[in-house]
Amino acid sequence: MIWRLFRREAPRGLAVETLHRRINDASRQPGLYTGLGVPDTVEGRFECLCLHVILVLRRLETLPEPAADVAQDLVNAVFLQLDSSLRELGVGDFGVPKRMKKLGAAFYGRAETYGAALATKDLATKDLATKDGEALATALARNVIGTPEPGHGAGLARYVLAAAAALEGTDLDALLASGPGFPSPDAFTDQTGAP
């Protein structure tokens, strides 16, 4: 009987691992760093990973069961990866829990901020000229790009709105089978080259 339990969980575990890998790949698209202003640093990559995970979690919240279990498994996988990364960077056993607590607080704080800005958006319009659009651009400029200048987050905000809109049309089976359909970041750089 116990073997059946392991076999039943194995496909979902593999599906979540694949989803996690695809989110990692999306968060490392060169255009995010070269065209949309995300700093190519440890912090910038963390912020970009969080942003993409938050977008997927936002979609999973709206889907029927077992989407909630998939969401929890995804969060667990992400934090296991972060724990492992800290250890690879040389953070000792005593420092890891403290850093993980800070990373967790940052992740959930960003999830709340981005979620609030996206909650009332008409994602199909991709319009930043609203209070919520401006709030999203400002939050992304501050958290992801690392500048208080909200204009610097406009390209990234347009990318996030397009990604959220694309995810809205994705059901759980498609999300697990083919992964989240994130757009190319190259399409969201201004004509002047400014993000």
C-alpha atoms as a PDB file:
ATOM      1  CA  MET A   1       0.000   0.000   0.000  1.00  0.00           C
ATOM      2  CA  ILE A   2       2.748   2.483   0.828  1.00  0.00           C
ATOM      3  CA  TRP A   3       4.304   1.996  -2.621  1.00  0.00           C
ATOM      4  CA  ARG A   4       1.057   3.106  -4.259  1.00  0.00           C
ATOM      5  CA  LEU A   5       1.247   6.365  -2.315  1.00  0.00           C
ATOM      6  CA  PHE A   6       4.729   7.060  -3.616  1.00  0.00           C
ATOM      7  CA  ARG A   7       3.724   6.205  -7.174  1.00  0.00           C
ATOM      8  CA  ARG A   8       0.699   8.497  -6.994  1.00  0.00           C
ATOM      9  CA  GLU A   9       2.820  11.455  -5.846  1.00  0.00           C
ATOM     10  CA  ALA A  10       5.680  10.844  -8.276  1.00  0.00           C
ATOM     11  CA  PRO A  11       3.898  12.206 -11.387  1.00  0.00           C
ATOM     12  CA  ARG A  12       2.853  15.415  -9.626  1.00  0.00           C
ATOM     13  CA  GLY A  13       6.354  15.821  -8.189  1.00  0.00           C
ATOM     14  CA  LEU A  14       7.863  15.429 -11.640  1.00  0.00           C
ATOM     15  CA  ALA A  15       5.312  17.851 -13.114  1.00  0.00           C
ATOM     16  CA  VAL A  16       6.093  20.466 -10.440  1.00  0.00           C
ATOM     17  CA  GLU A  17       9.826  19.981 -10.973  1.00  0.00           C
ATOM     18  CA  THR A  18       9.332  20.554 -14.704  1.00  0.00           C
ATOM     19  CA  LEU A  19       7.150  23.622 -14.035  1.00  0.00           C
ATOM     20  CA  HIS A  20       9.800  24.984 -11.652  1.00  0.00           C
ATOM     21  CA  ARG A  21      12.516  24.461 -14.259  1.00  0.00           C
ATOM     22  CA  ARG A  22      10.457  26.274 -16.909  1.00  0.00           C
ATOM     23  CA  ILE A  23       9.849  29.200 -14.562  1.00  0.00           C
ATOM     24  CA  ASN A  24      13.601  29.338 -13.864  1.00  0.00           C
ATOM     25  CA  ASP A  25      14.294  29.390 -17.602  1.00  0.00           C
ATOM     26  CA  ALA A  26      11.757  32.187 -18.146  1.00  0.00           C
ATOM     27  CA  SER A  27      13.284  34.261 -15.344  1.00  0.00           C
ATOM     28  CA  ARG A  28      16.698  33.985 -16.994  1.00  0.00           C
ATOM     29  CA  GLN A  29      15.709  35.209 -20.447  1.00  0.00           C
ATOM     30  CA  PRO A  30      18.511  37.567 -21.521  1.00  0.00           C
ATOM     31  CA  GLY A  31      16.061  40.268 -22.652  1.00  0.00           C
ATOM     32  CA  LEU A  32      14.925  40.812 -19.061  1.00  0.00           C
ATOM     33  CA  TYR A  33      18.460  41.863 -18.183  1.00  0.00           C
ATOM     34  CA  THR A  34      19.609  43.510 -21.399  1.00  0.00           C
ATOM     35  CA  GLY A  35      16.389  45.238 -22.444  1.00  0.00           C
ATOM     36  CA  LEU A  36      14.164  45.667 -19.410  1.00  0.00           C
ATOM     37  CA  GLY A  37      16.695  46.836 -16.840  1.00  0.00           C
ATOM     38  CA  VAL A  38      16.813  43.894 -14.431  1.00  0.00           C
ATOM     39  CA  PRO A  39      20.329  43.903 -12.933  1.00  0.00           C
ATOM     40  CA  ASP A  40      22.284  40.749 -13.768  1.00  0.00           C
ATOM     41  CA  THR A  41      23.227  40.149 -10.137  1.00  0.00           C
ATOM     42  CA  VAL A  42      22.314  37.571  -7.513  1.00  0.00           C
ATOM     43  CA  GLU A  43      19.669  39.985  -6.201  1.00  0.00           C
ATOM     44  CA  GLY A  44      18.335  40.748  -9.678  1.00  0.00           C
ATOM     45  CA  ARG A  45      18.001  37.058 -10.507  1.00  0.00           C
ATOM     46  CA  PHE A  46      16.231  36.429  -7.194  1.00  0.00           C
ATOM     47  CA  GLU A  47      13.775  39.253  -7.915  1.00  0.00           C
ATOM     48  CA  CYS A  48      13.168  37.999 -11.441  1.00  0.00           C
ATOM     49  CA  LEU A  49      12.584  34.437 -10.219  1.00  0.00           C
ATOM     50  CA  CYS A  50      10.168  35.685  -7.548  1.00  0.00           C
ATOM     51  CA  LEU A  51       8.278  37.741 -10.119  1.00  0.00           C
ATOM     52  CA  HIS A  52       7.754  34.759 -12.431  1.00  0.00           C
ATOM     53  CA  VAL A  53       6.821  32.406  -9.594  1.00  0.00           C
ATOM     54  CA  ILE A  54       4.326  34.966  -8.275  1.00  0.00           C
ATOM     55  CA  LEU A  55       2.700  35.246 -11.701  1.00  0.00           C
ATOM     56  CA  VAL A  56       2.257  31.461 -11.887  1.00  0.00           C
ATOM     57  CA  LEU A  57       1.003  31.246  -8.289  1.00  0.00           C
ATOM     58  CA  ARG A  58      -1.490  34.004  -9.040  1.00  0.00           C
ATOM     59  CA  ARG A  59      -2.899  31.856 -11.844  1.00  0.00           C
ATOM     60  CA  LEU A  60      -2.881  28.667  -9.766  1.00  0.00           C
ATOM     61  CA  GLU A  61      -4.990  30.433  -7.097  1.00  0.00           C
ATOM     62  CA  THR A  62      -7.844  30.715  -9.588  1.00  0.00           C
ATOM     63  CA  LEU A  63      -7.781  27.111 -10.810  1.00  0.00           C
ATOM     64  CA  PRO A  64      -9.674  24.134  -9.336  1.00  0.00           C
ATOM     65  CA  GLU A  65      -8.056  21.370  -7.305  1.00  0.00           C
ATOM     66  CA  PRO A  66      -5.367  20.092  -7.258  1.00  0.00           C
ATOM     67  CA  ALA A  67      -3.988  23.523  -8.223  1.00  0.00           C
ATOM     68  CA  ALA A  68      -3.594  24.529  -4.557  1.00  0.00           C
ATOM     69  CA  ASP A  69      -1.420  21.448  -3.939  1.00  0.00           C
ATOM     70  CA  VAL A  70       0.625  22.223  -7.051  1.00  0.00           C
ATOM     71  CA  ALA A  71       1.085  25.801  -5.823  1.00  0.00           C
ATOM     72  CA  GLN A  72       2.333  24.609  -2.435  1.00  0.00           C
ATOM     73  CA  ASP A  73       4.682  22.100  -4.071  1.00  0.00           C
ATOM     74  CA  LEU A  74       6.007  24.866  -6.328  1.00  0.00           C
ATOM     75  CA  VAL A  75       6.683  27.188  -3.384  1.00  0.00           C
ATOM     76  CA  ASN A  76       8.435  24.332  -1.568  1.00  0.00           C
ATOM     77  CA  ALA A  77      10.604  23.636  -4.633  1.00  0.00           C
ATOM     78  CA  VAL A  78      11.526  27.309  -5.008  1.00  0.00           C
ATOM     79  CA  PHE A  79      12.552  27.646  -1.372  1.00  0.00           C
ATOM     80  CA  LEU A  80      14.558  24.417  -1.504  1.00  0.00           C
ATOM     81  CA  GLN A  81      16.382  25.876  -4.504  1.00  0.00           C
ATOM     82  CA  LEU A  82      17.038  29.120  -2.621  1.00  0.00           C
ATOM     83  CA  ASP A  83      18.316  27.200   0.405  1.00  0.00           C
ATOM     84  CA  SER A  84      20.660  25.215  -1.836  1.00  0.00           C
ATOM     85  CA  SER A  85      21.838  28.370  -3.603  1.00  0.00           C
ATOM     86  CA  LEU A  86      22.670  30.067  -0.305  1.00  0.00           C
ATOM     87  CA  ARG A  87      24.739  27.055   0.735  1.00  0.00           C
ATOM     88  CA  GLU A  88      26.554  27.100  -2.629  1.00  0.00           C
ATOM     89  CA  LEU A  89      27.342  30.778  -2.070  1.00  0.00           C
ATOM     90  CA  GLY A  90      29.072  29.787   1.165  1.00  0.00           C
ATOM     91  CA  VAL A  91      26.446  30.790   3.718  1.00  0.00           C
ATOM     92  CA  GLY A  92      26.951  28.564   6.778  1.00  0.00           C
ATOM     93  CA  ASP A  93      24.385  26.327   8.432  1.00  0.00           C
ATOM     94  CA  PHE A  94      23.666  28.913  11.120  1.00  0.00           C
ATOM     95  CA  GLY A  95      23.208  31.765   8.624  1.00  0.00           C
ATOM     96  CA  VAL A  96      20.901  29.941   6.207  1.00  0.00           C
ATOM     97  CA  PRO A  97      17.718  30.005   8.350  1.00  0.00           C
ATOM     98  CA  LYS A  98      18.096  33.732   9.009  1.00  0.00           C
ATOM     99  CA  ARG A  99      18.603  34.474   5.305  1.00  0.00           C
ATOM    100  CA  MET A 100      15.744  32.166   4.323  1.00  0.00           C
ATOM    101  CA  LYS A 101      13.444  34.042   6.677  1.00  0.00           C
ATOM    102  CA  LYS A 102      14.401  37.335   5.002  1.00  0.00           C
ATOM    103  CA  LEU A 103      13.951  35.844   1.528  1.00  0.00           C
ATOM    104  CA  GLY A 104      10.560  34.448   2.519  1.00  0.00           C
ATOM    105  CA  ALA A 105       9.424  37.822   3.851  1.00  0.00           C
ATOM    106  CA  ALA A 106      10.625  39.511   0.656  1.00  0.00           C
ATOM    107  CA  PHE A 107       8.868  36.934  -1.538  1.00  0.00           C
ATOM    108  CA  TYR A 108       5.517  37.189   0.241  1.00  0.00           C
ATOM    109  CA  GLY A 109       5.739  40.980   0.435  1.00  0.00           C
ATOM    110  CA  ARG A 110       6.271  41.176  -3.305  1.00  0.00           C
ATOM    111  CA  ALA A 111       3.476  38.688  -3.931  1.00  0.00           C
ATOM    112  CA  GLU A 112       1.092  40.939  -2.011  1.00  0.00           C
ATOM    113  CA  THR A 113       2.261  44.130  -3.740  1.00  0.00           C
ATOM    114  CA  TYR A 114       2.219  42.732  -7.280  1.00  0.00           C
ATOM    115  CA  GLY A 115      -1.026  40.882  -6.641  1.00  0.00           C
ATOM    116  CA  ALA A 116      -2.759  44.055  -5.462  1.00  0.00           C
ATOM    117  CA  ALA A 117      -1.592  45.978  -8.531  1.00  0.00           C
ATOM    118  CA  LEU A 118      -2.697  43.180 -10.878  1.00  0.00           C
ATOM    119  CA  ALA A 119      -5.985  42.379  -9.134  1.00  0.00           C
ATOM    120  CA  THR A 120      -8.024  45.157 -10.688  1.00  0.00           C
ATOM    121  CA  LYS A 121      -6.195  45.472 -13.976  1.00  0.00           C
ATOM    122  CA  ASP A 122      -7.871  44.720 -17.257  1.00  0.00           C
ATOM    123  CA  LEU A 123      -4.950  42.615 -18.393  1.00  0.00           C
ATOM    124  CA  ALA A 124      -6.010  42.653 -22.015  1.00  0.00           C
ATOM    125  CA  THR A 125      -5.423  46.417 -22.322  1.00  0.00           C
ATOM    126  CA  LYS A 126      -1.888  46.346 -20.879  1.00  0.00           C
ATOM    127  CA  ASP A 127      -2.464  49.971 -19.897  1.00  0.00           C
ATOM    128  CA  LEU A 128      -0.070  51.547 -17.427  1.00  0.00           C
ATOM    129  CA  ALA A 129      -1.872  54.896 -17.401  1.00  0.00           C
ATOM    130  CA  THR A 130      -3.992  53.925 -14.414  1.00  0.00           C
ATOM    131  CA  LYS A 131      -3.370  54.053 -10.691  1.00  0.00           C
ATOM    132  CA  ASP A 132      -2.823  50.260 -10.594  1.00  0.00           C
ATOM    133  CA  GLY A 133      -0.571  50.354 -13.665  1.00  0.00           C
ATOM    134  CA  GLU A 134       1.546  53.073 -12.117  1.00  0.00           C
ATOM    135  CA  ALA A 135       1.680  51.161  -8.824  1.00  0.00           C
ATOM    136  CA  LEU A 136       2.891  48.063 -10.649  1.00  0.00           C
ATOM    137  CA  ALA A 137       5.572  49.992 -12.566  1.00  0.00           C
ATOM    138  CA  THR A 138       6.715  51.714  -9.362  1.00  0.00           C
ATOM    139  CA  ALA A 139       6.879  48.444  -7.407  1.00  0.00           C
ATOM    140  CA  LEU A 140       8.819  46.726 -10.189  1.00  0.00           C
ATOM    141  CA  ALA A 141      11.228  49.651 -10.523  1.00  0.00           C
ATOM    142  CA  ARG A 142      11.890  49.637  -6.770  1.00  0.00           C
ATOM    143  CA  ASN A 143      12.035  45.876  -6.144  1.00  0.00           C
ATOM    144  CA  VAL A 144      13.295  44.300  -9.356  1.00  0.00           C
ATOM    145  CA  ILE A 145      15.275  47.025 -11.098  1.00  0.00           C
ATOM    146  CA  GLY A 146      16.461  48.669  -7.891  1.00  0.00           C
ATOM    147  CA  THR A 147      15.624  52.303  -8.597  1.00  0.00           C
ATOM    148  CA  PRO A 148      12.990  54.631  -7.141  1.00  0.00           C
ATOM    149  CA  GLU A 149      12.282  56.022 -10.630  1.00  0.00           C
ATOM    150  CA  PRO A 150       8.895  54.540 -11.684  1.00  0.00           C
ATOM    151  CA  GLY A 151       9.556  55.236 -15.372  1.00  0.00           C
ATOM    152  CA  HIS A 152      12.322  52.652 -15.298  1.00  0.00           C
ATOM    153  CA  GLY A 153       9.762  49.929 -14.558  1.00  0.00           C
ATOM    154  CA  ALA A 154       7.412  50.672 -17.465  1.00  0.00           C
ATOM    155  CA  GLY A 155       8.828  48.111 -19.901  1.00  0.00           C
ATOM    156  CA  LEU A 156       8.969  45.440 -17.231  1.00  0.00           C
ATOM    157  CA  ALA A 157       5.409  46.311 -16.142  1.00  0.00           C
ATOM    158  CA  ARG A 158       4.168  45.879 -19.729  1.00  0.00           C
ATOM    159  CA  TYR A 159       5.932  42.497 -19.815  1.00  0.00           C
ATOM    160  CA  VAL A 160       4.288  41.478 -16.515  1.00  0.00           C
ATOM    161  CA  LEU A 161       0.827  42.520 -17.741  1.00  0.00           C
ATOM    162  CA  ALA A 162       1.299  40.517 -20.954  1.00  0.00           C
ATOM    163  CA  ALA A 163       2.537  37.498 -18.993  1.00  0.00           C
ATOM    164  CA  ALA A 164      -0.416  37.687 -16.576  1.00  0.00           C
ATOM    165  CA  ALA A 165      -2.849  37.974 -19.494  1.00  0.00           C
ATOM    166  CA  ALA A 166      -1.277  34.959 -21.220  1.00  0.00           C
ATOM    167  CA  LEU A 167      -1.452  32.922 -18.020  1.00  0.00           C
ATOM    168  CA  GLU A 168      -5.157  33.747 -17.609  1.00  0.00           C
ATOM    169  CA  GLY A 169      -5.918  31.554 -20.601  1.00  0.00           C
ATOM    170  CA  THR A 170      -3.919  28.584 -19.328  1.00  0.00           C
ATOM    171  CA  ASP A 171      -5.565  25.705 -17.464  1.00  0.00           C
ATOM    172  CA  LEU A 172      -3.758  23.421 -15.012  1.00  0.00           C
ATOM    173  CA  ASP A 173      -3.179  20.626 -17.521  1.00  0.00           C
ATOM    174  CA  ALA A 174      -1.605  23.012 -20.022  1.00  0.00           C
ATOM    175  CA  LEU A 175       0.425  24.716 -17.314  1.00  0.00           C
ATOM    176  CA  LEU A 176       1.904  21.394 -16.214  1.00  0.00           C
ATOM    177  CA  ALA A 177       2.239  19.900 -19.697  1.00  0.00           C
ATOM    178  CA  SER A 178       3.699  22.745 -21.722  1.00  0.00           C
ATOM    179  CA  GLY A 179       4.572  25.215 -18.972  1.00  0.00           C
ATOM    180  CA  PRO A 180       3.681  28.870 -18.527  1.00  0.00           C
ATOM    181  CA  GLY A 181       3.629  30.817 -21.781  1.00  0.00           C
ATOM    182  CA  PHE A 182       5.703  33.838 -20.868  1.00  0.00           C
ATOM    183  CA  PRO A 183       6.166  36.371 -23.670  1.00  0.00           C
ATOM    184  CA  SER A 184       9.524  37.388 -25.065  1.00  0.00           C
ATOM    185  CA  PRO A 185      10.876  40.316 -23.042  1.00  0.00           C
ATOM    186  CA  ASP A 186      12.428  41.754 -26.208  1.00  0.00           C
ATOM    187  CA  ALA A 187       8.979  42.954 -27.332  1.00  0.00           C
ATOM    188  CA  PHE A 188       8.659  45.309 -24.353  1.00  0.00           C
ATOM    189  CA  THR A 189      11.690  47.552 -24.714  1.00  0.00           C
ATOM    190  CA  ASP A 190      10.868  51.097 -25.852  1.00  0.00           C
ATOM    191  CA  GLN A 191      11.942  52.246 -29.309  1.00  0.00           C
ATOM    192  CA  THR A 192      14.609  54.361 -27.635  1.00  0.00           C
ATOM    193  CA  GLY A 193      16.053  51.272 -25.960  1.00  0.00           C
ATOM    194  CA  ALA A 194      15.036  52.463 -22.507  1.00  0.00           C
ATOM    195  CA  PRO A 195      13.177  49.888 -20.415  1.00  0.00           C
END
